[in-house]
C-alpha cells in the first residue's frame, strides 16, 4: 500500500485488492451508491477483481493517474474512492482530458469527505502532474456530486455526449496561475 497524500481527516492511498475487497464491496455493491455509476459489483470476488484490475491498469499506464482509496485517518476505515483519470472518447481511446471523480459509501455522505479528498487530488493533479486543466462530469440528476463540483469552484461548460456514452454535465477547473507561470 502506498499513501498518495493526506488531508486533515483522510488518507488517500492505493487499493490493496485482497485486504480491501470487503470495504470496496460496501461501496460498489450498494445500489444507492452505484445509481449513477457504471462500476458495480455483486460479490466479494468481483470486488477483489475490480480492485486488481484498477491496480494493474494504472500501474501499466504509469502516468500518475489512478483510482485511490479514501480512508479515515482516525480508524483507517475506507469510506470511498477518489479518481483522477484520463477520459476516454466514444471509441474508448484515452484523450488528453483528465477527470476528477469520487464514489463514497452511503454512511460517508454529507460529511465533507468528497470535497476534502477532491481538493487534495486537484492539488496533486495541478502541482505534481502539472495538468493545465481538470474536468468533472456528472449526470444532471446527481445532485450530491454537483454540489461537490460547485464547492470545488469548477466552471460549468454545459452538457456533453463525448464520454461514457451518455449525456453529462461537464465542468472544468484550470490550474492556478502561479503553477502556469512556473
Protein backbone atom coordinates (compact mmCIF):
# COMPACT_ATOMS: atom_id res chain seq x y z
CA UNK A 1 0.00 0.00 0.00
CA UNK A 2 1.28 3.44 -0.97
CA UNK A 3 -0.02 6.66 0.52
CA UNK A 4 -0.50 9.25 -2.22
CA UNK A 5 -1.42 12.16 0.06
CA UNK A 6 -3.12 13.05 3.33
CA UNK A 7 -5.54 15.73 4.47
CA UNK A 8 -6.70 16.77 7.93
CA UNK A 9 -9.08 13.80 8.17
CA UNK A 10 -8.19 11.49 5.28
CA UNK A 11 -5.51 9.23 3.87
CA UNK A 12 -5.57 8.77 0.10
CA UNK A 13 -3.81 5.54 -0.77
CA UNK A 14 -3.56 2.76 -3.29
CA UNK A 15 -6.07 -0.05 -3.08
CA UNK A 16 -4.88 -3.43 -1.79
CA UNK A 17 -7.25 -5.87 -3.55
CA UNK A 18 -7.17 -8.80 -1.10
CA UNK A 19 -7.22 -6.62 2.01
CA UNK A 20 -9.72 -4.01 0.75
CA UNK A 21 -12.23 -6.10 -1.24
CA UNK A 22 -14.81 -6.21 1.54
CA UNK A 23 -14.73 -2.44 2.11
CA UNK A 24 -14.89 -1.82 -1.66
CA UNK A 25 -17.91 -4.13 -1.81
CA UNK A 26 -19.67 -1.86 0.72
CA UNK A 27 -19.32 0.93 -1.87
CA UNK A 28 -19.78 -0.80 -5.25
CA UNK A 29 -22.28 -3.39 -4.06
CA UNK A 30 -24.75 -0.76 -2.80
CA UNK A 31 -27.38 0.12 -5.44
CA UNK A 32 -27.91 3.57 -3.92
CA UNK A 33 -24.21 4.38 -4.20
CA UNK A 34 -23.91 2.98 -7.73
CA UNK A 35 -27.12 4.56 -9.00
CA UNK A 36 -25.15 6.97 -11.22
CA UNK A 37 -22.09 4.74 -11.77
CA UNK A 38 -21.11 2.22 -14.40
CA UNK A 39 -18.99 0.43 -11.77
CA UNK A 40 -20.95 -2.17 -9.78
CA UNK A 41 -20.06 -5.46 -8.09
CA UNK A 42 -22.30 -8.22 -6.81
CA UNK A 43 -20.00 -10.26 -4.60
CA UNK A 44 -16.66 -10.18 -2.77
CA UNK A 45 -14.79 -11.90 -5.60
CA UNK A 46 -15.97 -9.38 -8.19
CA UNK A 47 -14.97 -6.61 -5.78
CA UNK A 48 -11.46 -8.05 -5.44
CA UNK A 49 -11.22 -8.46 -9.23
CA UNK A 50 -12.32 -4.86 -9.77
CA UNK A 51 -9.62 -3.55 -7.42
CA UNK A 52 -6.99 -5.78 -9.03
CA UNK A 53 -7.95 -4.51 -12.48
CA UNK A 54 -7.60 -0.90 -11.30
CA UNK A 55 -4.20 -1.52 -9.71
CA UNK A 56 -2.90 -3.37 -12.79
CA UNK A 57 -4.26 -0.88 -15.34
CA UNK A 58 -2.86 2.19 -13.63
CA UNK A 59 0.50 0.51 -12.96
CA UNK A 60 0.71 -0.15 -16.72
CA UNK A 61 -0.25 3.44 -17.60
CA UNK A 62 2.39 4.70 -15.14
CA UNK A 63 1.36 8.34 -15.62
CA UNK A 64 0.44 9.23 -12.05
CA UNK A 65 -3.30 8.81 -12.53
CA UNK A 66 -5.50 6.33 -10.74
CA UNK A 67 -8.40 5.37 -8.55
CA UNK A 68 -7.36 5.52 -4.89
CA UNK A 69 -8.95 4.51 -1.61
CA UNK A 70 -10.11 7.28 0.72
CA UNK A 71 -9.51 6.13 4.31
CA UNK A 72 -10.23 7.92 7.56
CA UNK A 73 -7.08 8.86 9.46
CA UNK A 74 -8.53 8.04 12.87
CA UNK A 75 -9.53 4.42 12.22
CA UNK A 76 -8.31 3.58 8.66
CA UNK A 77 -11.88 2.79 7.54
CA UNK A 78 -12.23 3.11 3.76
CA UNK A 79 -15.08 5.50 3.01
CA UNK A 80 -14.70 5.81 -0.75
CA UNK A 81 -12.69 6.19 -3.92
CA UNK A 82 -11.12 9.32 -5.38
CA UNK A 83 -10.34 9.36 -9.07
CA UNK A 84 -8.01 11.22 -11.40
CA UNK A 85 -8.08 9.53 -14.80
CA UNK A 86 -7.84 10.28 -18.49
CA UNK A 87 -11.27 10.48 -20.07
CA UNK A 88 -11.99 8.04 -22.91
CA UNK A 89 -13.75 9.07 -26.11
CA UNK A 90 -16.67 7.31 -27.81
CA UNK A 91 -14.30 4.60 -29.14
CA UNK A 92 -12.79 4.07 -25.66
CA UNK A 93 -9.49 5.72 -26.63
CA UNK A 94 -7.70 7.77 -23.98
CA UNK A 95 -7.97 11.53 -24.52
CA UNK A 96 -5.72 14.27 -23.16
CA UNK A 97 -8.53 15.41 -20.84
CA UNK A 98 -8.30 14.40 -17.19
CA UNK A 99 -11.33 13.81 -14.97
CA UNK A 100 -11.66 14.01 -11.21
CA UNK A 101 -14.40 12.00 -9.53
CA UNK A 102 -15.40 10.32 -6.28
CA UNK A 103 -17.52 7.46 -5.03
CA UNK A 104 -18.39 7.32 -1.34
CA UNK A 105 -20.26 4.72 0.65
CA UNK A 106 -23.60 5.90 1.96
CA UNK A 107 -22.52 6.20 5.61
CA UNK A 108 -19.87 8.74 4.49
CA UNK A 109 -22.27 11.01 2.58
CA UNK A 110 -22.70 14.57 3.79
CA UNK A 111 -19.52 14.67 5.89
CA UNK A 112 -17.32 16.69 3.52
CA UNK A 113 -15.04 13.76 2.64
CA UNK A 114 -15.59 14.03 -1.13
CA UNK A 115 -14.73 17.74 -1.14
CA UNK A 116 -11.70 17.24 1.13
CA UNK A 117 -10.34 14.35 -0.95
CA UNK A 118 -11.07 16.15 -4.24
CA UNK A 119 -9.19 19.28 -3.13
CA UNK A 120 -6.15 17.11 -2.32
CA UNK A 121 -6.32 15.35 -5.69
CA UNK A 122 -6.78 18.63 -7.57
CA UNK A 123 -3.64 19.88 -5.82
CA UNK A 124 -1.84 16.66 -6.81
CA UNK A 125 -3.05 16.94 -10.42
CA UNK A 126 -2.02 20.57 -10.79
CA UNK A 127 1.20 20.62 -8.75
CA UNK A 128 2.62 17.11 -9.17
CA UNK A 129 1.28 16.04 -12.57
CA UNK A 130 1.34 19.65 -13.89
CA UNK A 131 -2.06 19.29 -15.57
CA UNK A 132 -3.27 22.60 -17.05
CA UNK A 133 -6.97 21.79 -16.54
CA UNK A 134 -9.01 19.10 -14.76
CA UNK A 135 -12.60 18.25 -15.67
CA UNK A 136 -15.53 16.79 -13.75
CA UNK A 137 -18.59 15.21 -15.34
CA UNK A 138 -21.83 14.14 -13.72
CA UNK A 139 -25.39 13.30 -14.57
CA UNK A 140 -27.69 16.28 -14.12
CA UNK A 141 -29.76 14.35 -11.56
CA UNK A 142 -26.70 13.51 -9.42
CA UNK A 143 -27.27 16.45 -7.10
CA UNK A 144 -24.74 15.35 -4.47
CA UNK A 145 -21.85 15.25 -6.95
CA UNK A 146 -22.94 18.53 -8.50
CA UNK A 147 -22.78 20.15 -5.05
CA UNK A 148 -19.22 18.93 -4.56
CA UNK A 149 -18.27 20.19 -8.03
CA UNK A 150 -19.71 23.59 -7.13
CA UNK A 151 -17.82 23.67 -3.79
CA UNK A 152 -14.60 22.98 -5.70
CA UNK A 153 -15.17 26.12 -7.77
CA UNK A 154 -15.38 24.26 -11.06
CA UNK A 155 -16.77 26.18 -14.03
CA UNK A 156 -19.81 24.80 -15.92
CA UNK A 157 -19.17 24.01 -19.58
CA UNK A 158 -22.64 22.70 -20.48
CA UNK A 159 -23.71 19.24 -21.50
CA UNK A 160 -21.63 16.73 -23.41
CA UNK A 161 -22.14 13.32 -25.00
CA UNK A 162 -18.41 12.73 -25.57
CA UNK A 163 -17.80 10.45 -22.57
CA UNK A 164 -19.37 7.32 -21.06
CA UNK A 165 -21.89 7.09 -23.93
CA UNK A 166 -24.42 9.31 -22.13
CA UNK A 167 -25.32 12.96 -21.72
CA UNK A 168 -23.45 14.51 -18.80
CA UNK A 169 -22.89 17.93 -17.29
CA UNK A 170 -19.25 18.96 -17.77
CA UNK A 171 -17.16 21.29 -15.60
CA UNK A 172 -13.55 22.41 -15.59
CA UNK A 173 -11.00 23.89 -13.26
CA UNK A 174 -7.84 25.45 -14.62
CA UNK A 175 -4.51 25.19 -12.86
CA UNK A 176 -3.81 28.12 -10.53
CA UNK A 177 -1.97 30.92 -12.34
CA UNK A 178 1.17 30.58 -10.21
CA UNK A 179 1.53 26.96 -11.42
CA UNK A 180 1.21 28.01 -15.07
CA UNK A 181 3.89 30.68 -14.61
CA UNK A 182 6.47 28.25 -13.18
